PDB file of N, CA and C in Angstrom:
ATOM      1  N   MET A   1     -25.705 110.293  41.062  1.00  0.00           N
ATOM      2  CA  MET A   1     -25.966 109.579  42.431  1.00  0.00           C
ATOM      3  C   MET A   1     -27.240 108.787  42.384  1.00  0.00           C
ATOM      4  N   SER A   2     -27.084 107.680  43.214  1.00  0.00           N
ATOM      5  CA  SER A   2     -28.205 106.832  43.440  1.00  0.00           C
ATOM      6  C   SER A   2     -29.303 107.360  44.031  1.00  0.00           C
ATOM      7  N   GLN A   3     -30.601 106.868  43.613  1.00  0.00           N
ATOM      8  CA  GLN A   3     -31.778 107.208  44.077  1.00  0.00           C
ATOM      9  C   GLN A   3     -31.988 107.043  45.633  1.00  0.00           C
ATOM     10  N   GLN A   4     -32.747 107.681  46.406  1.00  0.00           N
ATOM     11  CA  GLN A   4     -33.136 107.497  47.603  1.00  0.00           C
ATOM     12  C   GLN A   4     -33.899 106.265  47.756  1.00  0.00           C
ATOM     13  N   LEU A   5     -33.716 105.407  48.944  1.00  0.00           N
ATOM     14  CA  LEU A   5     -34.420 104.130  49.156  1.00  0.00           C
ATOM     15  C   LEU A   5     -35.284 104.494  50.477  1.00  0.00           C
ATOM     16  N   LEU A   6     -36.475 104.035  50.477  1.00  0.00           N
ATOM     17  CA  LEU A   6     -37.502 104.461  51.574  1.00  0.00           C
ATOM     18  C   LEU A   6     -37.878 103.404  52.109  1.00  0.00           C
ATOM     19  N   PHE A   7     -37.910 103.286  53.456  1.00  0.00           N
ATOM     20  CA  PHE A   7     -38.213 102.020  54.249  1.00  0.00           C
ATOM     21  C   PHE A   7     -39.331 102.486  55.218  1.00  0.00           C
ATOM     22  N   THR A   8     -40.363 101.838  55.405  1.00  0.00           N
ATOM     23  CA  THR A   8     -41.407 101.897  56.288  1.00  0.00           C
ATOM     24  C   THR A   8     -41.047 101.169  57.290  1.00  0.00           C
ATOM     25  N   LEU A   9     -40.970 101.647  58.619  1.00  0.00           N
ATOM     26  CA  LEU A   9     -40.957 100.880  59.881  1.00  0.00           C
ATOM     27  C   LEU A   9     -41.740 100.319  60.267  1.00  0.00           C
ATOM     28  N   SER A  10     -41.858  98.969  60.778  1.00  0.00           N
ATOM     29  CA  SER A  10     -42.711  98.013  61.336  1.00  0.00           C
ATOM     30  C   SER A  10     -43.207  98.679  62.654  1.00  0.00           C
ATOM     31  N   GLU A  11     -42.307  99.198  63.364  1.00  0.00           N
ATOM     32  CA  GLU A  11     -42.637  99.873  64.753  1.00  0.00           C
ATOM     33  C   GLU A  11     -41.980 101.448  64.803  1.00  0.00           C
ATOM     34  N   PRO A  12     -43.106 102.370  64.790  1.00  0.00           N
ATOM     35  CA  PRO A  12     -42.398 103.810  64.782  1.00  0.00           C
ATOM     36  C   PRO A  12     -41.468 103.929  65.876  1.00  0.00           C
ATOM     37  N   VAL A  13     -40.566 104.918  65.873  1.00  0.00           N
ATOM     38  CA  VAL A  13     -39.583 105.324  66.747  1.00  0.00           C
ATOM     39  C   VAL A  13     -39.823 106.953  67.125  1.00  0.00           C
ATOM     40  N   THR A  14     -39.684 107.002  68.466  1.00  0.00           N
ATOM     41  CA  THR A  14     -39.834 108.448  68.919  1.00  0.00           C
ATOM     42  C   THR A  14     -38.522 108.996  69.011  1.00  0.00           C
ATOM     43  N   ILE A  15     -38.019 110.282  68.321  1.00  0.00           N
ATOM     44  CA  ILE A  15     -36.708 110.634  68.632  1.00  0.00           C
ATOM     45  C   ILE A  15     -37.236 111.989  69.401  1.00  0.00           C
ATOM     46  N   VAL A  16     -35.998 112.537  70.008  1.00  0.00           N
ATOM     47  CA  VAL A  16     -35.943 113.770  70.532  1.00  0.00           C
ATOM     48  C   VAL A  16     -35.120 114.917  69.429  1.00  0.00           C
ATOM     49  N   LEU A  17     -35.632 116.073  68.967  1.00  0.00           N
ATOM     50  CA  LEU A  17     -34.946 116.742  68.135  1.00  0.00           C
ATOM     51  C   LEU A  17     -34.526 117.898  68.877  1.00  0.00           C
ATOM     52  N   SER A  18     -33.110 118.376  68.631  1.00  0.00           N
ATOM     53  CA  SER A  18     -32.743 119.537  69.321  1.00  0.00           C
ATOM     54  C   SER A  18     -31.871 120.151  68.360  1.00  0.00           C
ATOM     55  N   GLY A  19     -31.753 121.500  68.432  1.00  0.00           N
ATOM     56  CA  GLY A  19     -31.035 122.235  67.653  1.00  0.00           C
ATOM     57  C   GLY A  19     -31.177 123.669  67.887  1.00  0.00           C
ATOM     58  N   ALA A  20     -30.229 124.303  66.949  1.00  0.00           N
ATOM     59  CA  ALA A  20     -30.092 125.973  67.026  1.00  0.00           C
ATOM     60  C   ALA A  20     -31.407 126.500  66.792  1.00  0.00           C
ATOM     61  N   HIS A  21     -32.296 126.029  66.210  1.00  0.00           N
ATOM     62  CA  HIS A  21     -33.629 126.594  65.410  1.00  0.00           C
ATOM     63  C   HIS A  21     -34.653 126.413  66.257  1.00  0.00           C
ATOM     64  N   GLY A  22     -34.370 125.936  67.308  1.00  0.00           N
ATOM     65  CA  GLY A  22     -35.711 125.732  68.408  1.00  0.00           C
ATOM     66  C   GLY A  22     -35.440 125.116  69.686  1.00  0.00           C
ATOM     67  N   PRO A  23     -36.552 124.862  70.268  1.00  0.00           N
ATOM     68  CA  PRO A  23     -36.390 124.280  71.522  1.00  0.00           C
ATOM     69  C   PRO A  23     -36.503 122.796  71.185  1.00  0.00           C
ATOM     70  N   LYS A  24     -36.135 121.814  72.251  1.00  0.00           N
ATOM     71  CA  LYS A  24     -36.230 120.283  71.883  1.00  0.00           C
ATOM     72  C   LYS A  24     -37.688 119.987  71.837  1.00  0.00           C
ATOM     73  N   ARG A  25     -37.668 118.855  70.711  1.00  0.00           N
ATOM     74  CA  ARG A  25     -39.100 118.393  70.508  1.00  0.00           C
ATOM     75  C   ARG A  25     -39.003 116.810  70.220  1.00  0.00           C
ATOM     76  N   GLU A  26     -40.224 116.324  70.197  1.00  0.00           N
ATOM     77  CA  GLU A  26     -40.175 114.936  70.204  1.00  0.00           C
ATOM     78  C   GLU A  26     -40.788 114.894  68.731  1.00  0.00           C
ATOM     79  N   LYS A  27     -40.434 113.862  68.037  1.00  0.00           N
ATOM     80  CA  LYS A  27     -41.044 113.483  66.600  1.00  0.00           C
ATOM     81  C   LYS A  27     -41.106 111.937  66.492  1.00  0.00           C
ATOM     82  N   GLN A  28     -42.164 111.569  65.913  1.00  0.00           N
ATOM     83  CA  GLN A  28     -42.300 109.954  65.606  1.00  0.00           C
ATOM     84  C   GLN A  28     -41.890 109.681  64.291  1.00  0.00           C
ATOM     85  N   ILE A  29     -41.027 108.795  64.024  1.00  0.00           N
ATOM     86  CA  ILE A  29     -40.616 108.546  62.783  1.00  0.00           C
ATOM     87  C   ILE A  29     -41.123 107.152  62.205  1.00  0.00           C
ATOM     88  N   VAL A  30     -41.932 107.119  61.463  1.00  0.00           N
ATOM     89  CA  VAL A  30     -42.479 106.018  60.758  1.00  0.00           C
ATOM     90  C   VAL A  30     -41.703 105.339  59.525  1.00  0.00           C
ATOM     91  N   ASP A  31     -41.044 106.101  58.874  1.00  0.00           N
ATOM     92  CA  ASP A  31     -39.989 105.720  57.882  1.00  0.00           C
ATOM     93  C   ASP A  31     -38.796 106.348  57.628  1.00  0.00           C
ATOM     94  N   ILE A  32     -38.111 105.725  57.122  1.00  0.00           N
ATOM     95  CA  ILE A  32     -36.513 106.220  56.889  1.00  0.00           C
ATOM     96  C   ILE A  32     -36.216 106.310  55.443  1.00  0.00           C
ATOM     97  N   SER A  33     -35.476 107.166  55.062  1.00  0.00           N
ATOM     98  CA  SER A  33     -35.117 107.425  53.641  1.00  0.00           C
ATOM     99  C   SER A  33     -33.510 107.206  53.842  1.00  0.00           C
ATOM    100  N   LEU A  34     -32.924 106.636  53.139  1.00  0.00           N
ATOM    101  CA  LEU A  34     -31.431 106.526  52.893  1.00  0.00           C
ATOM    102  C   LEU A  34     -31.125 107.069  51.551  1.00  0.00           C
ATOM    103  N   ARG A  35     -30.173 108.249  51.772  1.00  0.00           N
ATOM    104  CA  ARG A  35     -29.773 108.777  50.558  1.00  0.00           C
ATOM    105  C   ARG A  35     -28.777 108.226  49.721  1.00  0.00           C
ATOM    106  N   GLY A  36     -28.288 108.491  48.561  1.00  0.00           N
ATOM    107  CA  GLY A  36     -27.497 107.624  47.863  1.00  0.00           C
ATOM    108  C   GLY A  36     -25.940 107.671  48.511  1.00  0.00           C
ATOM    109  N   LEU A  37     -25.131 107.042  48.005  1.00  0.00           N
ATOM    110  CA  LEU A  37     -23.415 107.267  48.443  1.00  0.00           C
ATOM    111  C   LEU A  37     -23.014 108.372  47.773  1.00  0.00           C
ATOM    112  N   GLU A  38     -22.297 108.945  48.459  1.00  0.00           N
ATOM    113  CA  GLU A  38     -21.214 109.925  48.321  1.00  0.00           C
ATOM    114  C   GLU A  38     -19.911 109.514  48.309  1.00  0.00           C
ATOM    115  N   PRO A  39     -18.805 110.231  47.295  1.00  0.00           N
ATOM    116  CA  PRO A  39     -17.358 109.642  47.581  1.00  0.00           C
ATOM    117  C   PRO A  39     -17.018 109.600  49.102  1.00  0.00           C
ATOM    118  N   GLY A  40     -17.059 110.376  49.978  1.00  0.00           N
ATOM    119  CA  GLY A  40     -16.626 110.499  51.288  1.00  0.00           C
ATOM    120  C   GLY A  40     -17.258 109.266  52.142  1.00  0.00           C
ATOM    121  N   ASP A  41     -18.379 108.751  51.879  1.00  0.00           N
ATOM    122  CA  ASP A  41     -18.946 107.447  52.542  1.00  0.00           C
ATOM    123  C   ASP A  41     -18.066 106.327  52.345  1.00  0.00           C
ATOM    124  N   ILE A  42     -17.303 106.115  51.418  1.00  0.00           N
ATOM    125  CA  ILE A  42     -16.502 105.031  51.209  1.00  0.00           C
ATOM    126  C   ILE A  42     -15.414 104.861  52.426  1.00  0.00           C
ATOM    127  N   LEU A  43     -15.027 105.954  53.208  1.00  0.00           N
ATOM    128  CA  LEU A  43     -14.026 106.131  54.113  1.00  0.00           C
ATOM    129  C   LEU A  43     -14.586 105.271  55.218  1.00  0.00           C
ATOM    130  N   LEU A  44     -15.915 104.878  55.170  1.00  0.00           N
ATOM    131  CA  LEU A  44     -16.325 104.176  56.578  1.00  0.00           C
ATOM    132  C   LEU A  44     -15.782 102.770  56.281  1.00  0.00           C
ATOM    133  N   LEU A  45     -15.214 102.594  55.283  1.00  0.00           N
ATOM    134  CA  LEU A  45     -14.675 100.922  55.129  1.00  0.00           C
ATOM    135  C   LEU A  45     -13.266 101.078  55.951  1.00  0.00           C
ATOM    136  N   ASP A  46     -12.638 102.168  55.898  1.00  0.00           N
ATOM    137  CA  ASP A  46     -11.418 102.000  56.592  1.00  0.00           C
ATOM    138  C   ASP A  46     -11.604 102.265  58.085  1.00  0.00           C
ATOM    139  N   ARG A  47     -12.548 103.262  58.452  1.00  0.00           N
ATOM    140  CA  ARG A  47     -12.667 103.368  59.792  1.00  0.00           C
ATOM    141  C   ARG A  47     -13.247 102.230  60.449  1.00  0.00           C
ATOM    142  N   PHE A  48     -14.080 101.424  59.842  1.00  0.00           N
ATOM    143  CA  PHE A  48     -14.696 100.300  60.509  1.00  0.00           C
ATOM    144  C   PHE A  48     -14.309  98.956  59.892  1.00  0.00           C
ATOM    145  N   ARG A  49     -13.261  98.740  59.482  1.00  0.00           N
ATOM    146  CA  ARG A  49     -12.538  97.654  58.747  1.00  0.00           C
ATOM    147  C   ARG A  49     -12.686  96.491  60.124  1.00  0.00           C
ATOM    148  N   HIS A  50     -13.249  95.261  59.538  1.00  0.00           N
ATOM    149  CA  HIS A  50     -13.426  94.187  60.367  1.00  0.00           C
ATOM    150  C   HIS A  50     -14.496  94.369  61.523  1.00  0.00           C
ATOM    151  N   GLN A  51     -15.401  95.408  61.344  1.00  0.00           N
ATOM    152  CA  GLN A  51     -16.410  95.737  62.380  1.00  0.00           C
ATOM    153  C   GLN A  51     -17.683  95.709  61.640  1.00  0.00           C
ATOM    154  N   PRO A  52     -18.166  94.789  60.916  1.00  0.00           N
ATOM    155  CA  PRO A  52     -19.335  94.764  60.017  1.00  0.00           C
ATOM    156  C   PRO A  52     -20.502  95.175  60.789  1.00  0.00           C
ATOM    157  N   ALA A  53     -20.893  94.980  61.996  1.00  0.00           N
ATOM    158  CA  ALA A  53     -21.896  95.551  62.709  1.00  0.00           C
ATOM    159  C   ALA A  53     -21.814  96.754  62.909  1.00  0.00           C
ATOM    160  N   THR A  54     -20.735  97.462  63.337  1.00  0.00           N
ATOM    161  CA  THR A  54     -20.520  99.008  63.726  1.00  0.00           C
ATOM    162  C   THR A  54     -20.581  99.705  62.222  1.00  0.00           C
ATOM    163  N   LEU A  55     -19.986  99.113  61.326  1.00  0.00           N
ATOM    164  CA  LEU A  55     -20.070  99.503  59.896  1.00  0.00           C
ATOM    165  C   LEU A  55     -21.692  99.755  59.539  1.00  0.00           C
ATOM    166  N   GLY A  56     -22.452  98.717  59.724  1.00  0.00           N
ATOM    167  CA  GLY A  56     -23.834  98.832  59.301  1.00  0.00           C
ATOM    168  C   GLY A  56     -24.538  99.844  60.068  1.00  0.00           C
ATOM    169  N   LEU A  57     -24.179 100.026  61.490  1.00  0.00           N
ATOM    170  CA  LEU A  57     -25.139 100.978  62.274  1.00  0.00           C
ATOM    171  C   LEU A  57     -24.644 102.461  61.773  1.00  0.00           C
ATOM    172  N   GLN A  58     -23.343 102.549  61.583  1.00  0.00           N
ATOM    173  CA  GLN A  58     -22.896 103.832  61.216  1.00  0.00           C
ATOM    174  C   GLN A  58     -23.104 104.250  59.817  1.00  0.00           C
ATOM    175  N   LEU A  59     -23.104 103.136  58.942  1.00  0.00           N
ATOM    176  CA  LEU A  59     -23.695 103.649  57.566  1.00  0.00           C
ATOM    177  C   LEU A  59     -25.089 103.883  57.375  1.00  0.00           C
ATOM    178  N   VAL A  60     -25.936 103.442  58.284  1.00  0.00           N
ATOM    179  CA  VAL A  60     -27.448 103.531  58.194  1.00  0.00           C
ATOM    180  C   VAL A  60     -27.576 105.055  58.818  1.00  0.00           C
ATOM    181  N   ALA A  61     -26.813 105.366  59.937  1.00  0.00           N
ATOM    182  CA  ALA A  61     -27.006 106.796  60.477  1.00  0.00           C
ATOM    183  C   ALA A  61     -26.451 107.847  59.592  1.00  0.00           C
ATOM    184  N   THR A  62     -25.285 107.688  58.895  1.00  0.00           N
ATOM    185  CA  THR A  62     -24.904 108.441  57.657  1.00  0.00           C
ATOM    186  C   THR A  62     -25.662 108.913  56.674  1.00  0.00           C
ATOM    187  N   LEU A  63     -26.425 107.591  56.087  1.00  0.00           N
ATOM    188  CA  LEU A  63     -27.279 107.859  54.848  1.00  0.00           C
ATOM    189  C   LEU A  63     -28.579 108.243  55.221  1.00  0.00           C
ATOM    190  N   SER A  64     -29.037 108.019  56.493  1.00  0.00           N
ATOM    191  CA  SER A  64     -30.518 108.369  56.881  1.00  0.00           C
ATOM    192  C   SER A  64     -30.504 109.752  57.543  1.00  0.00           C
ATOM    193  N   GLY A  65     -29.134 110.365  57.841  1.00  0.00           N
ATOM    194  CA  GLY A  65     -29.453 111.693  58.589  1.00  0.00           C
ATOM    195  C   GLY A  65     -29.679 111.597  60.262  1.00  0.00           C
ATOM    196  N   LEU A  66     -29.957 110.335  60.767  1.00  0.00           N
ATOM    197  CA  LEU A  66     -29.992 110.103  62.035  1.00  0.00           C
ATOM    198  C   LEU A  66     -28.768 109.917  62.750  1.00  0.00           C
ATOM    199  N   THR A  67     -28.882 109.967  64.043  1.00  0.00           N
ATOM    200  CA  THR A  67     -27.752 109.769  64.706  1.00  0.00           C
ATOM    201  C   THR A  67     -27.669 108.364  65.018  1.00  0.00           C
ATOM    202  N   VAL A  68     -26.380 107.764  65.760  1.00  0.00           N
ATOM    203  CA  VAL A  68     -26.097 106.531  65.855  1.00  0.00           C
ATOM    204  C   VAL A  68     -27.111 105.924  66.954  1.00  0.00           C
ATOM    205  N   PRO A  69     -27.284 106.697  68.311  1.00  0.00           N
ATOM    206  CA  PRO A  69     -28.292 106.471  69.275  1.00  0.00           C
ATOM    207  C   PRO A  69     -29.621 106.343  68.622  1.00  0.00           C
ATOM    208  N   GLN A  70     -29.992 107.147  67.737  1.00  0.00           N
ATOM    209  CA  GLN A  70     -31.390 107.005  67.323  1.00  0.00           C
ATOM    210  C   GLN A  70     -31.681 105.847  66.351  1.00  0.00           C
ATOM    211  N   VAL A  71     -30.453 105.312  65.619  1.00  0.00           N
ATOM    212  CA  VAL A  71     -30.375 104.277  64.603  1.00  0.00           C
ATOM    213  C   VAL A  71     -30.570 103.032  65.992  1.00  0.00           C
ATOM    214  N   LYS A  72     -30.063 103.020  66.900  1.00  0.00           N
ATOM    215  CA  LYS A  72     -30.113 102.050  67.881  1.00  0.00           C
ATOM    216  C   LYS A  72     -31.280 101.599  68.260  1.00  0.00           C
ATOM    217  N   ARG A  73     -32.172 102.747  68.377  1.00  0.00           N
ATOM    218  CA  ARG A  73     -33.655 102.452  68.944  1.00  0.00           C
ATOM    219  C   ARG A  73     -34.728 101.651  67.843  1.00  0.00           C
ATOM    220  N   LEU A  74     -34.088 101.803  66.488  1.00  0.00           N
ATOM    221  CA  LEU A  74     -35.179 100.938  65.724  1.00  0.00           C
ATOM    222  C   LEU A  74     -35.295  99.305  66.030  1.00  0.00           C
ATOM    223  N   ALA A  75     -36.467  98.867  65.643  1.00  0.00           N
ATOM    224  CA  ALA A  75     -36.704  97.741  65.963  1.00  0.00           C
ATOM    225  C   ALA A  75     -35.567  96.664  65.062  1.00  0.00           C
ATOM    226  N   MET A  76     -35.134  95.630  65.742  1.00  0.00           N
ATOM    227  CA  MET A  76     -33.959  94.794  65.024  1.00  0.00           C
ATOM    228  C   MET A  76     -34.458  94.278  63.580  1.00  0.00           C
ATOM    229  N   THR A  77     -35.471  93.986  63.446  1.00  0.00           N
ATOM    230  CA  THR A  77     -36.113  93.574  61.932  1.00  0.00           C
ATOM    231  C   THR A  77     -36.115  94.827  61.034  1.00  0.00           C
ATOM    232  N   ASP A  78     -36.567  95.984  61.582  1.00  0.00           N
ATOM    233  CA  ASP A  78     -36.420  96.997  60.681  1.00  0.00           C
ATOM    234  C   ASP A  78     -34.859  97.473  60.401  1.00  0.00           C
ATOM    235  N   PHE A  79     -34.092  97.398  61.432  1.00  0.00           N
ATOM    236  CA  PHE A  79     -32.604  97.876  61.196  1.00  0.00           C
ATOM    237  C   PHE A  79     -31.909  96.886  60.354  1.00  0.00           C
ATOM    238  N   ALA A  80     -32.133  95.531  60.435  1.00  0.00           N
ATOM    239  CA  ALA A  80     -31.543  94.773  59.548  1.00  0.00           C
ATOM    240  C   ALA A  80     -31.896  94.788  58.148  1.00  0.00           C
ATOM    241  N   LYS A  81     -33.221  95.050  57.873  1.00  0.00           N
ATOM    242  CA  LYS A  81     -33.424  95.198  56.323  1.00  0.00           C
ATOM    243  C   LYS A  81     -32.777  96.657  55.793  1.00  0.00           C
ATOM    244  N   ILE A  82     -32.823  97.737  56.677  1.00  0.00           N
ATOM    245  CA  ILE A  82     -32.245  98.846  56.308  1.00  0.00           C
ATOM    246  C   ILE A  82     -30.700  98.820  55.990  1.00  0.00           C
ATOM    247  N   ALA A  83     -30.191  98.181  57.113  1.00  0.00           N
ATOM    248  CA  ALA A  83     -28.566  97.998  57.109  1.00  0.00           C
ATOM    249  C   ALA A  83     -28.052  96.992  55.862  1.00  0.00           C
ATOM    250  N   ASP A  84     -29.061  95.943  55.522  1.00  0.00           N
ATOM    251  CA  ASP A  84     -28.695  95.089  54.345  1.00  0.00           C
ATOM    252  C   ASP A  84     -28.881  95.842  53.020  1.00  0.00           C
ATOM    253  N   ALA A  85     -29.506  96.692  52.840  1.00  0.00           N
ATOM    254  CA  ALA A  85     -29.750  97.711  51.712  1.00  0.00           C
ATOM    255  C   ALA A  85     -28.683  98.587  51.654  1.00  0.00           C
ATOM    256  N   ALA A  86     -28.078  99.240  52.837  1.00  0.00           N
ATOM    257  CA  ALA A  86     -27.087 100.189  52.868  1.00  0.00           C
ATOM    258  C   ALA A  86     -25.645  99.738  52.628  1.00  0.00           C
ATOM    259  N   LEU A  87     -25.667  98.398  53.176  1.00  0.00           N
ATOM    260  CA  LEU A  87     -24.241  97.564  52.849  1.00  0.00           C
ATOM    261  C   LEU A  87     -24.372  97.145  51.651  1.00  0.00           C
ATOM    262  N   ALA A  88     -25.285  96.632  50.834  1.00  0.00           N
ATOM    263  CA  ALA A  88     -25.285  96.298  49.762  1.00  0.00           C
ATOM    264  C   ALA A  88     -24.728  97.389  48.754  1.00  0.00           C
ATOM    265  N   ARG A  89     -25.536  98.486  48.845  1.00  0.00           N
ATOM    266  CA  ARG A  89     -24.730  99.707  48.104  1.00  0.00           C
ATOM    267  C   ARG A  89     -23.498 100.023  48.371  1.00  0.00           C
ATOM    268  N   LEU A  90     -22.889  99.903  49.735  1.00  0.00           N
ATOM    269  CA  LEU A  90     -21.312 100.225  49.737  1.00  0.00           C
ATOM    270  C   LEU A  90     -20.570  99.300  48.980  1.00  0.00           C
ATOM    271  N   ALA A  91     -21.244  97.939  49.218  1.00  0.00           N
ATOM    272  CA  ALA A  91     -20.180  96.645  48.654  1.00  0.00           C
ATOM    273  C   ALA A  91     -20.370  96.817  47.063  1.00  0.00           C
ATOM    274  N   ALA A  92     -21.405  97.314  46.416  1.00  0.00           N
ATOM    275  CA  ALA A  92     -21.389  97.591  45.057  1.00  0.00           C
ATOM    276  C   ALA A  92     -20.414  98.517  44.819  1.00  0.00           C
ATOM    277  N   ALA A  93     -20.530  99.675  45.440  1.00  0.00           N
ATOM    278  CA  ALA A  93     -19.179 100.818  45.099  1.00  0.00           C
ATOM    279  C   ALA A  93     -18.024 100.377  45.385  1.00  0.00           C
ATOM    280  N   ALA A  94     -17.632  99.567  46.461  1.00  0.00           N
ATOM    281  CA  ALA A  94     -16.437  99.128  46.852  1.00  0.00           C
ATOM    282  C   ALA A  94     -15.973  98.160  45.622  1.00  0.00           C
ATOM    283  N   ARG A  95     -16.810  97.251  45.033  1.00  0.00           N
ATOM    284  CA  ARG A  95     -16.123  96.449  43.959  1.00  0.00           C
ATOM    285  C   ARG A  95     -16.111  97.287  42.860  1.00  0.00           C
ATOM    286  N   ARG A  96     -16.835  98.310  42.488  1.00  0.00           N
ATOM    287  CA  ARG A  96     -16.537  98.911  41.416  1.00  0.00           C
ATOM    288  C   ARG A  96     -15.181  99.794  41.665  1.00  0.00           C
ATOM    289  N   MET A  97     -14.754 100.052  42.640  1.00  0.00           N
ATOM    290  CA  MET A  97     -13.452 100.679  42.913  1.00  0.00           C
ATOM    291  C   MET A  97     -12.257  99.636  43.232  1.00  0.00           C
ATOM    292  N   GLY A  98     -12.488  98.450  43.124  1.00  0.00           N
ATOM    293  CA  GLY A  98     -11.804  97.273  43.169  1.00  0.00           C
ATOM    294  C   GLY A  98     -11.242  97.032  44.731  1.00  0.00           C
ATOM    295  N   ILE A  99     -12.158  97.504  45.845  1.00  0.00           N
ATOM    296  CA  ILE A  99     -11.958  97.184  47.021  1.00  0.00           C
ATOM    297  C   ILE A  99     -12.376  95.981  47.399  1.00  0.00           C
ATOM    298  N   PRO A 100     -11.718  95.089  48.125  1.00  0.00           N
ATOM    299  CA  PRO A 100     -12.356  93.614  48.758  1.00  0.00           C
ATOM    300  C   PRO A 100     -13.384  93.978  49.539  1.00  0.00           C
ATOM    301  N   THR A 101     -14.489  93.133  49.556  1.00  0.00           N
ATOM    302  CA  THR A 101     -15.520  93.408  50.280  1.00  0.00           C
ATOM    303  C   THR A 101     -15.731  92.255  51.333  1.00  0.00           C
ATOM    304  N   GLU A 102     -15.093  91.179  51.311  1.00  0.00           N
ATOM    305  CA  GLU A 102     -15.413  89.998  51.939  1.00  0.00           C
ATOM    306  C   GLU A 102     -15.292  90.019  53.356  1.00  0.00           C
ATOM    307  N   TRP A 103     -14.593  91.198  53.780  1.00  0.00           N
ATOM    308  CA  TRP A 103     -14.273  91.188  55.226  1.00  0.00           C
ATOM    309  C   TRP A 103     -15.460  92.088  55.813  1.00  0.00           C
ATOM    310  N   PHE A 104     -16.597  92.761  55.049  1.00  0.00           N
ATOM    311  CA  PHE A 104     -17.684  93.391  55.685  1.00  0.00           C
ATOM    312  C   PHE A 104     -18.869  92.874  55.201  1.00  0.00           C
ATOM    313  N   ARG A 105     -18.908  91.900  54.152  1.00  0.00           N
ATOM    314  CA  ARG A 105     -20.197  91.680  53.655  1.00  0.00           C
ATOM    315  C   ARG A 105     -20.089  90.195  53.184  1.00  0.00           C
ATOM    316  N   GLU A 106     -20.893  89.342  53.686  1.00  0.00           N
ATOM    317  CA  GLU A 106     -20.810  88.116  53.209  1.00  0.00           C
ATOM    318  C   GLU A 106     -21.100  87.876  51.695  1.00  0.00           C
ATOM    319  N   GLN A 107     -20.545  87.093  50.961  1.00  0.00           N
ATOM    320  CA  GLN A 107     -20.540  86.897  49.676  1.00  0.00           C
ATOM    321  C   GLN A 107     -21.739  85.891  49.287  1.00  0.00           C
ATOM    322  N   PRO A 108     -22.506  85.961  48.242  1.00  0.00           N
ATOM    323  CA  PRO A 108     -23.589  84.956  47.978  1.00  0.00           C
ATOM    324  C   PRO A 108     -22.850  83.648  47.819  1.00  0.00           C
ATOM    325  N   ALA A 109     -23.449  82.579  48.095  1.00  0.00           N
ATOM    326  CA  ALA A 109     -23.087  81.126  47.566  1.00  0.00           C
ATOM    327  C   ALA A 109     -22.992  80.864  46.197  1.00  0.00           C
ATOM    328  N   THR A 110     -22.099  80.516  45.753  1.00  0.00           N
ATOM    329  CA  THR A 110     -22.189  80.074  44.256  1.00  0.00           C
ATOM    330  C   THR A 110     -22.655  78.646  43.800  1.00  0.00           C
TER     331      THR A 110
END
């Protein structure tokens, strides 16, 4: 499994946590950690084919443990940096599996 990536946010985000273990409460997020990819994560490619922005948003949510609405509250500069790293990991895994990546990630110029 890949190691986790940690990103410090340029702008903290306040999220509301609610769950079965207690009342709703607010938490300020100052950094986001992305876990490594798991085999089931590659299925996001099928689900969001030809939807690179939605794929990036969903992938960040999946790997960080945040919800999509929480990810949408990130500053764009933070989201872009985190999504780029997440998509790079997904693209590397897809290439190793022989899955074409050009429809969801721009290839570097040669």
